[in-house]
Amino acid sequence: ASFSRRIKDGSILALLRKTLKSGVMTGEG
């Protein structure tokens, strides 16, 4: 929401969302 106040390019926002949702790999998977 903070980025979308200035950025209306859906592809940029989608790329940012993918980056945030990429997940984490730990010793438990």
mmCIF file of all heavy atoms, coordinates in Angstrom:
data_MODEL
# 
_entry.id   MODEL 
# 
loop_
_atom_site.group_PDB 
_atom_site.id 
_atom_site.type_symbol 
_atom_site.label_atom_id 
_atom_site.label_alt_id 
_atom_site.label_comp_id 
_atom_site.label_asym_id 
_atom_site.label_entity_id 
_atom_site.label_seq_id 
_atom_site.pdbx_PDB_ins_code 
_atom_site.Cartn_x 
_atom_site.Cartn_y 
_atom_site.Cartn_z 
_atom_site.occupancy 
_atom_site.B_iso_or_equiv 
_atom_site.pdbx_formal_charge 
_atom_site.auth_seq_id 
_atom_site.auth_comp_id 
_atom_site.auth_asym_id 
_atom_site.auth_atom_id 
_atom_site.pdbx_PDB_model_num 
ATOM 1   N N   . ALA A 1 1  ? 0.830  -1.206  0.000   1.00 0.00 ? 1  ALA A N   1 
ATOM 2   C CA  . ALA A 1 1  ? 0.000  0.000   0.000   1.00 0.00 ? 1  ALA A CA  1 
ATOM 3   C C   . ALA A 1 1  ? 0.866  1.259   0.000   1.00 0.00 ? 1  ALA A C   1 
ATOM 4   O O   . ALA A 1 1  ? 0.547  2.242   -0.679  1.00 0.00 ? 1  ALA A O   1 
ATOM 5   C CB  . ALA A 1 1  ? -0.937 -0.011  1.202   1.00 0.00 ? 1  ALA A CB  1 
ATOM 6   N N   . SER A 1 2  ? 1.974  1.219   0.755   1.00 0.00 ? 2  SER A N   1 
ATOM 7   C CA  . SER A 1 2  ? 2.885  2.363   0.807   1.00 0.00 ? 2  SER A CA  1 
ATOM 8   C C   . SER A 1 2  ? 3.505  2.636   -0.559  1.00 0.00 ? 2  SER A C   1 
ATOM 9   O O   . SER A 1 2  ? 3.612  3.787   -0.988  1.00 0.00 ? 2  SER A O   1 
ATOM 10  C CB  . SER A 1 2  ? 3.992  2.111   1.840   1.00 0.00 ? 2  SER A CB  1 
ATOM 11  O OG  . SER A 1 2  ? 3.456  1.964   3.136   1.00 0.00 ? 2  SER A OG  1 
ATOM 12  N N   . PHE A 1 3  ? 3.912  1.573   -1.257  1.00 0.00 ? 3  PHE A N   1 
ATOM 13  C CA  . PHE A 1 3  ? 4.502  1.748   -2.587  1.00 0.00 ? 3  PHE A CA  1 
ATOM 14  C C   . PHE A 1 3  ? 3.452  2.156   -3.620  1.00 0.00 ? 3  PHE A C   1 
ATOM 15  O O   . PHE A 1 3  ? 3.740  2.941   -4.529  1.00 0.00 ? 3  PHE A O   1 
ATOM 16  C CB  . PHE A 1 3  ? 5.207  0.457   -3.029  1.00 0.00 ? 3  PHE A CB  1 
ATOM 17  C CG  . PHE A 1 3  ? 6.600  0.319   -2.486  1.00 0.00 ? 3  PHE A CG  1 
ATOM 18  C CD1 . PHE A 1 3  ? 6.823  -0.319  -1.278  1.00 0.00 ? 3  PHE A CD1 1 
ATOM 19  C CD2 . PHE A 1 3  ? 7.690  0.815   -3.183  1.00 0.00 ? 3  PHE A CD2 1 
ATOM 20  C CE1 . PHE A 1 3  ? 8.114  -0.447  -0.764  1.00 0.00 ? 3  PHE A CE1 1 
ATOM 21  C CE2 . PHE A 1 3  ? 8.977  0.697   -2.683  1.00 0.00 ? 3  PHE A CE2 1 
ATOM 22  C CZ  . PHE A 1 3  ? 9.188  0.058   -1.471  1.00 0.00 ? 3  PHE A CZ  1 
ATOM 23  N N   . SER A 1 4  ? 2.263  1.632   -3.469  1.00 0.00 ? 4  SER A N   1 
ATOM 24  C CA  . SER A 1 4  ? 1.230  1.906   -4.478  1.00 0.00 ? 4  SER A CA  1 
ATOM 25  C C   . SER A 1 4  ? 0.712  3.340   -4.439  1.00 0.00 ? 4  SER A C   1 
ATOM 26  O O   . SER A 1 4  ? 0.024  3.773   -5.363  1.00 0.00 ? 4  SER A O   1 
ATOM 27  C CB  . SER A 1 4  ? 0.063  0.919   -4.310  1.00 0.00 ? 4  SER A CB  1 
ATOM 28  O OG  . SER A 1 4  ? -0.595 1.108   -3.076  1.00 0.00 ? 4  SER A OG  1 
ATOM 29  N N   . ARG A 1 5  ? 1.030  4.092   -3.412  1.00 0.00 ? 5  ARG A N   1 
ATOM 30  C CA  . ARG A 1 5  ? 0.643  5.503   -3.382  1.00 0.00 ? 5  ARG A CA  1 
ATOM 31  C C   . ARG A 1 5  ? 1.372  6.288   -4.468  1.00 0.00 ? 5  ARG A C   1 
ATOM 32  O O   . ARG A 1 5  ? 0.866  7.307   -4.945  1.00 0.00 ? 5  ARG A O   1 
ATOM 33  C CB  . ARG A 1 5  ? 0.938  6.104   -2.011  1.00 0.00 ? 5  ARG A CB  1 
ATOM 34  C CG  . ARG A 1 5  ? 0.080  5.529   -0.889  1.00 0.00 ? 5  ARG A CG  1 
ATOM 35  C CD  . ARG A 1 5  ? 0.253  6.293   0.413   1.00 0.00 ? 5  ARG A CD  1 
ATOM 36  N NE  . ARG A 1 5  ? -0.486 5.642   1.487   1.00 0.00 ? 5  ARG A NE  1 
ATOM 37  C CZ  . ARG A 1 5  ? 0.049  4.866   2.406   1.00 0.00 ? 5  ARG A CZ  1 
ATOM 38  N NH1 . ARG A 1 5  ? 1.345  4.641   2.389   1.00 0.00 ? 5  ARG A NH1 1 
ATOM 39  N NH2 . ARG A 1 5  ? -0.700 4.294   3.353   1.00 0.00 ? 5  ARG A NH2 1 
ATOM 40  N N   . ARG A 1 6  ? 2.545  5.826   -4.852  1.00 0.00 ? 6  ARG A N   1 
ATOM 41  C CA  . ARG A 1 6  ? 3.330  6.491   -5.887  1.00 0.00 ? 6  ARG A CA  1 
ATOM 42  C C   . ARG A 1 6  ? 3.436  5.671   -7.166  1.00 0.00 ? 6  ARG A C   1 
ATOM 43  O O   . ARG A 1 6  ? 3.605  6.225   -8.251  1.00 0.00 ? 6  ARG A O   1 
ATOM 44  C CB  . ARG A 1 6  ? 4.747  6.790   -5.363  1.00 0.00 ? 6  ARG A CB  1 
ATOM 45  C CG  . ARG A 1 6  ? 4.826  7.655   -4.117  1.00 0.00 ? 6  ARG A CG  1 
ATOM 46  C CD  . ARG A 1 6  ? 4.440  9.099   -4.419  1.00 0.00 ? 6  ARG A CD  1 
ATOM 47  N NE  . ARG A 1 6  ? 5.270  9.715   -5.435  1.00 0.00 ? 6  ARG A NE  1 
ATOM 48  C CZ  . ARG A 1 6  ? 6.461  10.267  -5.185  1.00 0.00 ? 6  ARG A CZ  1 
ATOM 49  N NH1 . ARG A 1 6  ? 6.944  10.294  -3.951  1.00 0.00 ? 6  ARG A NH1 1 
ATOM 50  N NH2 . ARG A 1 6  ? 7.148  10.830  -6.159  1.00 0.00 ? 6  ARG A NH2 1 
ATOM 51  N N   . ILE A 1 7  ? 3.381  4.338   -7.008  1.00 0.00 ? 7  ILE A N   1 
ATOM 52  C CA  . ILE A 1 7  ? 3.607  3.431   -8.129  1.00 0.00 ? 7  ILE A CA  1 
ATOM 53  C C   . ILE A 1 7  ? 2.299  2.759   -8.515  1.00 0.00 ? 7  ILE A C   1 
ATOM 54  O O   . ILE A 1 7  ? 1.682  2.054   -7.696  1.00 0.00 ? 7  ILE A O   1 
ATOM 55  C CB  . ILE A 1 7  ? 4.659  2.359   -7.778  1.00 0.00 ? 7  ILE A CB  1 
ATOM 56  C CG1 . ILE A 1 7  ? 5.950  3.002   -7.257  1.00 0.00 ? 7  ILE A CG1 1 
ATOM 57  C CG2 . ILE A 1 7  ? 4.934  1.461   -8.980  1.00 0.00 ? 7  ILE A CG2 1 
ATOM 58  C CD1 . ILE A 1 7  ? 6.638  3.900   -8.225  1.00 0.00 ? 7  ILE A CD1 1 
ATOM 59  N N   . LYS A 1 8  ? 1.863  2.967   -9.753  1.00 0.00 ? 8  LYS A N   1 
ATOM 60  C CA  . LYS A 1 8  ? 0.635  2.339   -10.245 1.00 0.00 ? 8  LYS A CA  1 
ATOM 61  C C   . LYS A 1 8  ? 0.928  1.263   -11.292 1.00 0.00 ? 8  LYS A C   1 
ATOM 62  O O   . LYS A 1 8  ? -0.019 0.708   -11.871 1.00 0.00 ? 8  LYS A O   1 
ATOM 63  C CB  . LYS A 1 8  ? -0.295 3.397   -10.832 1.00 0.00 ? 8  LYS A CB  1 
ATOM 64  C CG  . LYS A 1 8  ? -0.696 4.495   -9.845  1.00 0.00 ? 8  LYS A CG  1 
ATOM 65  C CD  . LYS A 1 8  ? -1.414 3.935   -8.617  1.00 0.00 ? 8  LYS A CD  1 
ATOM 66  C CE  . LYS A 1 8  ? -1.833 5.045   -7.663  1.00 0.00 ? 8  LYS A CE  1 
ATOM 67  N NZ  . LYS A 1 8  ? -2.468 4.512   -6.422  1.00 0.00 ? 8  LYS A NZ  1 
ATOM 68  N N   . ASP A 1 9  ? 2.190  0.961   -11.527 1.00 0.00 ? 9  ASP A N   1 
ATOM 69  C CA  . ASP A 1 9  ? 2.571  -0.083  -12.472 1.00 0.00 ? 9  ASP A CA  1 
ATOM 70  C C   . ASP A 1 9  ? 2.369  -1.449  -11.804 1.00 0.00 ? 9  ASP A C   1 
ATOM 71  O O   . ASP A 1 9  ? 3.113  -1.838  -10.902 1.00 0.00 ? 9  ASP A O   1 
ATOM 72  C CB  . ASP A 1 9  ? 4.037  0.100   -12.888 1.00 0.00 ? 9  ASP A CB  1 
ATOM 73  C CG  . ASP A 1 9  ? 4.453  -0.839  -14.001 1.00 0.00 ? 9  ASP A CG  1 
ATOM 74  O OD1 . ASP A 1 9  ? 3.958  -1.974  -14.039 1.00 0.00 ? 9  ASP A OD1 1 
ATOM 75  O OD2 . ASP A 1 9  ? 5.297  -0.452  -14.836 1.00 0.00 ? 9  ASP A OD2 1 
ATOM 76  N N   . GLY A 1 10 ? 1.362  -2.190  -12.274 1.00 0.00 ? 10 GLY A N   1 
ATOM 77  C CA  . GLY A 1 10 ? 1.024  -3.467  -11.664 1.00 0.00 ? 10 GLY A CA  1 
ATOM 78  C C   . GLY A 1 10 ? 2.146  -4.483  -11.740 1.00 0.00 ? 10 GLY A C   1 
ATOM 79  O O   . GLY A 1 10 ? 2.302  -5.322  -10.842 1.00 0.00 ? 10 GLY A O   1 
ATOM 80  N N   . SER A 1 11 ? 2.956  -4.444  -12.795 1.00 0.00 ? 11 SER A N   1 
ATOM 81  C CA  . SER A 1 11 ? 4.047  -5.401  -12.950 1.00 0.00 ? 11 SER A CA  1 
ATOM 82  C C   . SER A 1 11 ? 5.138  -5.167  -11.906 1.00 0.00 ? 11 SER A C   1 
ATOM 83  O O   . SER A 1 11 ? 5.719  -6.124  -11.377 1.00 0.00 ? 11 SER A O   1 
ATOM 84  C CB  . SER A 1 11 ? 4.642  -5.300  -14.354 1.00 0.00 ? 11 SER A CB  1 
ATOM 85  O OG  . SER A 1 11 ? 3.667  -5.628  -15.343 1.00 0.00 ? 11 SER A OG  1 
ATOM 86  N N   . ILE A 1 12 ? 5.416  -3.911  -11.614 1.00 0.00 ? 12 ILE A N   1 
ATOM 87  C CA  . ILE A 1 12 ? 6.399  -3.585  -10.573 1.00 0.00 ? 12 ILE A CA  1 
ATOM 88  C C   . ILE A 1 12 ? 5.891  -4.037  -9.211  1.00 0.00 ? 12 ILE A C   1 
ATOM 89  O O   . ILE A 1 12 ? 6.624  -4.657  -8.426  1.00 0.00 ? 12 ILE A O   1 
ATOM 90  C CB  . ILE A 1 12 ? 6.708  -2.078  -10.563 1.00 0.00 ? 12 ILE A CB  1 
ATOM 91  C CG1 . ILE A 1 12 ? 7.499  -1.676  -11.807 1.00 0.00 ? 12 ILE A CG1 1 
ATOM 92  C CG2 . ILE A 1 12 ? 7.456  -1.684  -9.287  1.00 0.00 ? 12 ILE A CG2 1 
ATOM 93  C CD1 . ILE A 1 12 ? 8.924  -2.129  -11.826 1.00 0.00 ? 12 ILE A CD1 1 
ATOM 94  N N   . LEU A 1 13 ? 4.641  -3.759  -8.920  1.00 0.00 ? 13 LEU A N   1 
ATOM 95  C CA  . LEU A 1 13 ? 4.063  -4.155  -7.637  1.00 0.00 ? 13 LEU A CA  1 
ATOM 96  C C   . LEU A 1 13 ? 4.005  -5.676  -7.511  1.00 0.00 ? 13 LEU A C   1 
ATOM 97  O O   . LEU A 1 13 ? 4.238  -6.222  -6.428  1.00 0.00 ? 13 LEU A O   1 
ATOM 98  C CB  . LEU A 1 13 ? 2.675  -3.544  -7.464  1.00 0.00 ? 13 LEU A CB  1 
ATOM 99  C CG  . LEU A 1 13 ? 2.637  -2.004  -7.367  1.00 0.00 ? 13 LEU A CG  1 
ATOM 100 C CD1 . LEU A 1 13 ? 1.193  -1.509  -7.350  1.00 0.00 ? 13 LEU A CD1 1 
ATOM 101 C CD2 . LEU A 1 13 ? 3.383  -1.506  -6.142  1.00 0.00 ? 13 LEU A CD2 1 
ATOM 102 N N   . ALA A 1 14 ? 3.711  -6.362  -8.624  1.00 0.00 ? 14 ALA A N   1 
ATOM 103 C CA  . ALA A 1 14 ? 3.673  -7.826  -8.605  1.00 0.00 ? 14 ALA A CA  1 
ATOM 104 C C   . ALA A 1 14 ? 5.062  -8.401  -8.330  1.00 0.00 ? 14 ALA A C   1 
ATOM 105 O O   . ALA A 1 14 ? 5.211  -9.379  -7.592  1.00 0.00 ? 14 ALA A O   1 
ATOM 106 C CB  . ALA A 1 14 ? 3.136  -8.355  -9.935  1.00 0.00 ? 14 ALA A CB  1 
ATOM 107 N N   . LEU A 1 15 ? 6.082  -7.785  -8.920  1.00 0.00 ? 15 LEU A N   1 
ATOM 108 C CA  . LEU A 1 15 ? 7.460  -8.222  -8.689  1.00 0.00 ? 15 LEU A CA  1 
ATOM 109 C C   . LEU A 1 15 ? 7.852  -8.002  -7.232  1.00 0.00 ? 15 LEU A C   1 
ATOM 110 O O   . LEU A 1 15 ? 8.508  -8.857  -6.619  1.00 0.00 ? 15 LEU A O   1 
ATOM 111 C CB  . LEU A 1 15 ? 8.401  -7.466  -9.619  1.00 0.00 ? 15 LEU A CB  1 
ATOM 112 C CG  . LEU A 1 15 ? 9.879  -7.871  -9.620  1.00 0.00 ? 15 LEU A CG  1 
ATOM 113 C CD1 . LEU A 1 15 ? 10.034 -9.337  -9.983  1.00 0.00 ? 15 LEU A CD1 1 
ATOM 114 C CD2 . LEU A 1 15 ? 10.663 -6.991  -10.592 1.00 0.00 ? 15 LEU A CD2 1 
ATOM 115 N N   . LEU A 1 16 ? 7.444  -6.892  -6.676  1.00 0.00 ? 16 LEU A N   1 
ATOM 116 C CA  . LEU A 1 16 ? 7.716  -6.600  -5.270  1.00 0.00 ? 16 LEU A CA  1 
ATOM 117 C C   . LEU A 1 16 ? 7.014  -7.616  -4.373  1.00 0.00 ? 16 LEU A C   1 
ATOM 118 O O   . LEU A 1 16 ? 7.606  -8.105  -3.397  1.00 0.00 ? 16 LEU A O   1 
ATOM 119 C CB  . LEU A 1 16 ? 7.260  -5.180  -4.944  1.00 0.00 ? 16 LEU A CB  1 
ATOM 120 C CG  . LEU A 1 16 ? 7.616  -4.629  -3.567  1.00 0.00 ? 16 LEU A CG  1 
ATOM 121 C CD1 . LEU A 1 16 ? 9.120  -4.632  -3.342  1.00 0.00 ? 16 LEU A CD1 1 
ATOM 122 C CD2 . LEU A 1 16 ? 7.057  -3.204  -3.406  1.00 0.00 ? 16 LEU A CD2 1 
ATOM 123 N N   . ARG A 1 17 ? 5.774  -7.960  -4.701  1.00 0.00 ? 17 ARG A N   1 
ATOM 124 C CA  . ARG A 1 17 ? 5.031  -8.949  -3.922  1.00 0.00 ? 17 ARG A CA  1 
ATOM 125 C C   . ARG A 1 17 ? 5.723  -10.315 -3.978  1.00 0.00 ? 17 ARG A C   1 
ATOM 126 O O   . ARG A 1 17 ? 5.853  -11.008 -2.964  1.00 0.00 ? 17 ARG A O   1 
ATOM 127 C CB  . ARG A 1 17 ? 3.594  -9.064  -4.427  1.00 0.00 ? 17 ARG A CB  1 
ATOM 128 C CG  . ARG A 1 17 ? 2.734  -10.078 -3.644  1.00 0.00 ? 17 ARG A CG  1 
ATOM 129 C CD  . ARG A 1 17 ? 1.324  -10.155 -4.208  1.00 0.00 ? 17 ARG A CD  1 
ATOM 130 N NE  . ARG A 1 17 ? 0.552  -8.975  -3.901  1.00 0.00 ? 17 ARG A NE  1 
ATOM 131 C CZ  . ARG A 1 17 ? -0.115 -8.787  -2.758  1.00 0.00 ? 17 ARG A CZ  1 
ATOM 132 N NH1 . ARG A 1 17 ? -0.104 -9.722  -1.808  1.00 0.00 ? 17 ARG A NH1 1 
ATOM 133 N NH2 . ARG A 1 17 ? -0.815 -7.674  -2.577  1.00 0.00 ? 17 ARG A NH2 1 
ATOM 134 N N   . LYS A 1 18 ? 6.173  -10.720 -5.167  1.00 0.00 ? 18 LYS A N   1 
ATOM 135 C CA  . LYS A 1 18 ? 6.895  -11.990 -5.303  1.00 0.00 ? 18 LYS A CA  1 
ATOM 136 C C   . LYS A 1 18 ? 8.137  -12.012 -4.413  1.00 0.00 ? 18 LYS A C   1 
ATOM 137 O O   . LYS A 1 18 ? 8.450  -13.021 -3.791  1.00 0.00 ? 18 LYS A O   1 
ATOM 138 C CB  . LYS A 1 18 ? 7.308  -12.212 -6.760  1.00 0.00 ? 18 LYS A CB  1 
ATOM 139 C CG  . LYS A 1 18 ? 6.201  -12.661 -7.689  1.00 0.00 ? 18 LYS A CG  1 
ATOM 140 C CD  . LYS A 1 18 ? 6.758  -12.912 -9.073  1.00 0.00 ? 18 LYS A CD  1 
ATOM 141 C CE  . LYS A 1 18 ? 5.674  -13.398 -10.030 1.00 0.00 ? 18 LYS A CE  1 
ATOM 142 N NZ  . LYS A 1 18 ? 6.223  -13.665 -11.392 1.00 0.00 ? 18 LYS A NZ  1 
ATOM 143 N N   . THR A 1 19 ? 8.848  -10.890 -4.383  1.00 0.00 ? 19 THR A N   1 
ATOM 144 C CA  . THR A 1 19 ? 10.050 -10.794 -3.557  1.00 0.00 ? 19 THR A CA  1 
ATOM 145 C C   . THR A 1 19 ? 9.719  -10.961 -2.079  1.00 0.00 ? 19 THR A C   1 
ATOM 146 O O   . THR A 1 19 ? 10.423 -11.663 -1.346  1.00 0.00 ? 19 THR A O   1 
ATOM 147 C CB  . THR A 1 19 ? 10.748 -9.444  -3.799  1.00 0.00 ? 19 THR A CB  1 
ATOM 148 O OG1 . THR A 1 19 ? 11.117 -9.340  -5.185  1.00 0.00 ? 19 THR A OG1 1 
ATOM 149 C CG2 . THR A 1 19 ? 11.985 -9.297  -2.939  1.00 0.00 ? 19 THR A CG2 1 
ATOM 150 N N   . LEU A 1 20 ? 8.639  -10.327 -1.639  1.00 0.00 ? 20 LEU A N   1 
ATOM 151 C CA  . LEU A 1 20 ? 8.231  -10.421 -0.238  1.00 0.00 ? 20 LEU A CA  1 
ATOM 152 C C   . LEU A 1 20 ? 7.759  -11.818 0.128   1.00 0.00 ? 20 LEU A C   1 
ATOM 153 O O   . LEU A 1 20 ? 7.961  -12.278 1.261   1.00 0.00 ? 20 LEU A O   1 
ATOM 154 C CB  . LEU A 1 20 ? 7.120  -9.407  0.050   1.00 0.00 ? 20 LEU A CB  1 
ATOM 155 C CG  . LEU A 1 20 ? 7.487  -7.928  -0.021  1.00 0.00 ? 20 LEU A CG  1 
ATOM 156 C CD1 . LEU A 1 20 ? 6.229  -7.066  0.039   1.00 0.00 ? 20 LEU A CD1 1 
ATOM 157 C CD2 . LEU A 1 20 ? 8.438  -7.547  1.110   1.00 0.00 ? 20 LEU A CD2 1 
ATOM 158 N N   . LYS A 1 21 ? 7.122  -12.516 -0.820  1.00 0.00 ? 21 LYS A N   1 
ATOM 159 C CA  . LYS A 1 21 ? 6.493  -13.804 -0.548  1.00 0.00 ? 21 LYS A CA  1 
ATOM 160 C C   . LYS A 1 21 ? 7.371  -15.003 -0.926  1.00 0.00 ? 21 LYS A C   1 
ATOM 161 O O   . LYS A 1 21 ? 6.893  -16.137 -0.953  1.00 0.00 ? 21 LYS A O   1 
ATOM 162 C CB  . LYS A 1 21 ? 5.173  -13.907 -1.323  1.00 0.00 ? 21 LYS A CB  1 
ATOM 163 C CG  . LYS A 1 21 ? 4.137  -12.839 -0.969  1.00 0.00 ? 21 LYS A CG  1 
ATOM 164 C CD  . LYS A 1 21 ? 3.600  -13.005 0.431   1.00 0.00 ? 21 LYS A CD  1 
ATOM 165 C CE  . LYS A 1 21 ? 2.446  -12.034 0.708   1.00 0.00 ? 21 LYS A CE  1 
ATOM 166 N NZ  . LYS A 1 21 ? 1.956  -12.168 2.113   1.00 0.00 ? 21 LYS A NZ  1 
ATOM 167 N N   . SER A 1 22 ? 8.658  -14.770 -1.200  1.00 0.00 ? 22 SER A N   1 
ATOM 168 C CA  . SER A 1 22 ? 9.516  -15.847 -1.699  1.00 0.00 ? 22 SER A CA  1 
ATOM 169 C C   . SER A 1 22 ? 9.773  -16.951 -0.675  1.00 0.00 ? 22 SER A C   1 
ATOM 170 O O   . SER A 1 22 ? 10.160 -18.066 -1.026  1.00 0.00 ? 22 SER A O   1 
ATOM 171 C CB  . SER A 1 22 ? 10.850 -15.273 -2.193  1.00 0.00 ? 22 SER A CB  1 
ATOM 172 O OG  . SER A 1 22 ? 11.526 -14.611 -1.144  1.00 0.00 ? 22 SER A OG  1 
ATOM 173 N N   . GLY A 1 23 ? 9.608  -16.652 0.597   1.00 0.00 ? 23 GLY A N   1 
ATOM 174 C CA  . GLY A 1 23 ? 9.797  -17.659 1.627   1.00 0.00 ? 23 GLY A CA  1 
ATOM 175 C C   . GLY A 1 23 ? 11.218 -17.707 2.154   1.00 0.00 ? 23 GLY A C   1 
ATOM 176 O O   . GLY A 1 23 ? 12.127 -17.030 1.673   1.00 0.00 ? 23 GLY A O   1 
ATOM 177 N N   . VAL A 1 24 ? 11.415 -18.550 3.156   1.00 0.00 ? 24 VAL A N   1 
ATOM 178 C CA  . VAL A 1 24 ? 12.697 -18.674 3.843   1.00 0.00 ? 24 VAL A CA  1 
ATOM 179 C C   . VAL A 1 24 ? 13.074 -20.146 3.931   1.00 0.00 ? 24 VAL A C   1 
ATOM 180 O O   . VAL A 1 24 ? 12.227 -21.000 4.222   1.00 0.00 ? 24 VAL A O   1 
ATOM 181 C CB  . VAL A 1 24 ? 12.619 -18.068 5.260   1.00 0.00 ? 24 VAL A CB  1 
ATOM 182 C CG1 . VAL A 1 24 ? 13.924 -18.277 6.017   1.00 0.00 ? 24 VAL A CG1 1 
ATOM 183 C CG2 . VAL A 1 24 ? 12.273 -16.593 5.200   1.00 0.00 ? 24 VAL A CG2 1 
ATOM 184 N N   . MET A 1 25 ? 14.336 -20.460 3.686   1.00 0.00 ? 25 MET A N   1 
ATOM 185 C CA  . MET A 1 25 ? 14.838 -21.821 3.827   1.00 0.00 ? 25 MET A CA  1 
ATOM 186 C C   . MET A 1 25 ? 15.662 -21.911 5.112   1.00 0.00 ? 25 MET A C   1 
ATOM 187 O O   . MET A 1 25 ? 16.656 -21.213 5.286   1.00 0.00 ? 25 MET A O   1 
ATOM 188 C CB  . MET A 1 25 ? 15.696 -22.218 2.628   1.00 0.00 ? 25 MET A CB  1 
ATOM 189 C CG  . MET A 1 25 ? 16.094 -23.700 2.610   1.00 0.00 ? 25 MET A CG  1 
ATOM 190 S SD  . MET A 1 25 ? 14.665 -24.808 2.425   1.00 0.00 ? 25 MET A SD  1 
ATOM 191 C CE  . MET A 1 25 ? 14.197 -24.490 0.735   1.00 0.00 ? 25 MET A CE  1 
ATOM 192 N N   . THR A 1 26 ? 15.210 -22.766 6.015   1.00 0.00 ? 26 THR A N   1 
ATOM 193 C CA  . THR A 1 26 ? 15.919 -22.998 7.269   1.00 0.00 ? 26 THR A CA  1 
ATOM 194 C C   . THR A 1 26 ? 16.360 -24.449 7.339   1.00 0.00 ? 26 THR A C   1 
ATOM 195 O O   . THR A 1 26 ? 16.154 -25.224 6.398   1.00 0.00 ? 26 THR A O   1 
ATOM 196 C CB  . THR A 1 26 ? 15.019 -22.665 8.474   1.00 0.00 ? 26 THR A CB  1 
ATOM 197 O OG1 . THR A 1 26 ? 13.956 -23.635 8.540   1.00 0.00 ? 26 THR A OG1 1 
ATOM 198 C CG2 . THR A 1 26 ? 14.416 -21.273 8.346   1.00 0.00 ? 26 THR A CG2 1 
ATOM 199 N N   . GLY A 1 27 ? 16.950 -24.818 8.460   1.00 0.00 ? 27 GLY A N   1 
ATOM 200 C CA  . GLY A 1 27 ? 17.351 -26.207 8.656   1.00 0.00 ? 27 GLY A CA  1 
ATOM 201 C C   . GLY A 1 27 ? 16.181 -27.157 8.670   1.00 0.00 ? 27 GLY A C   1 
ATOM 202 O O   . GLY A 1 27 ? 16.336 -28.364 8.462   1.00 0.00 ? 27 GLY A O   1 
ATOM 203 N N   . GLU A 1 28 ? 14.998 -26.614 8.907   1.00 0.00 ? 28 GLU A N   1 
ATOM 204 C CA  . GLU A 1 28 ? 13.781 -27.427 8.954   1.00 0.00 ? 28 GLU A CA  1 
ATOM 205 C C   . GLU A 1 28 ? 13.031 -27.426 7.634   1.00 0.00 ? 28 GLU A C   1 
ATOM 206 O O   . GLU A 1 28 ? 11.949 -28.006 7.520   1.00 0.00 ? 28 GLU A O   1 
ATOM 207 C CB  . GLU A 1 28 ? 12.868 -26.926 10.068  1.00 0.00 ? 28 GLU A CB  1 
ATOM 208 C CG  . GLU A 1 28 ? 13.514 -26.995 11.455  1.00 0.00 ? 28 GLU A CG  1 
ATOM 209 C CD  . GLU A 1 28 ? 12.645 -26.409 12.532  1.00 0.00 ? 28 GLU A CD  1 
ATOM 210 O OE1 . GLU A 1 28 ? 11.561 -25.875 12.193  1.00 0.00 ? 28 GLU A OE1 1 
ATOM 211 O OE2 . GLU A 1 28 ? 13.041 -26.471 13.720  1.00 0.00 ? 28 GLU A OE2 1 
ATOM 212 N N   . GLY A 1 29 ? 13.595 -26.767 6.614   1.00 0.00 ? 29 GLY A N   1 
ATOM 213 C CA  . GLY A 1 29 ? 12.967 -26.731 5.301   1.00 0.00 ? 29 GLY A CA  1 
ATOM 214 C C   . GLY A 1 29 ? 12.380 -25.374 4.965   1.00 0.00 ? 29 GLY A C   1 
ATOM 215 O O   . GLY A 1 29 ? 12.658 -24.364 5.627   1.00 0.00 ? 29 GLY A O   1 
# 
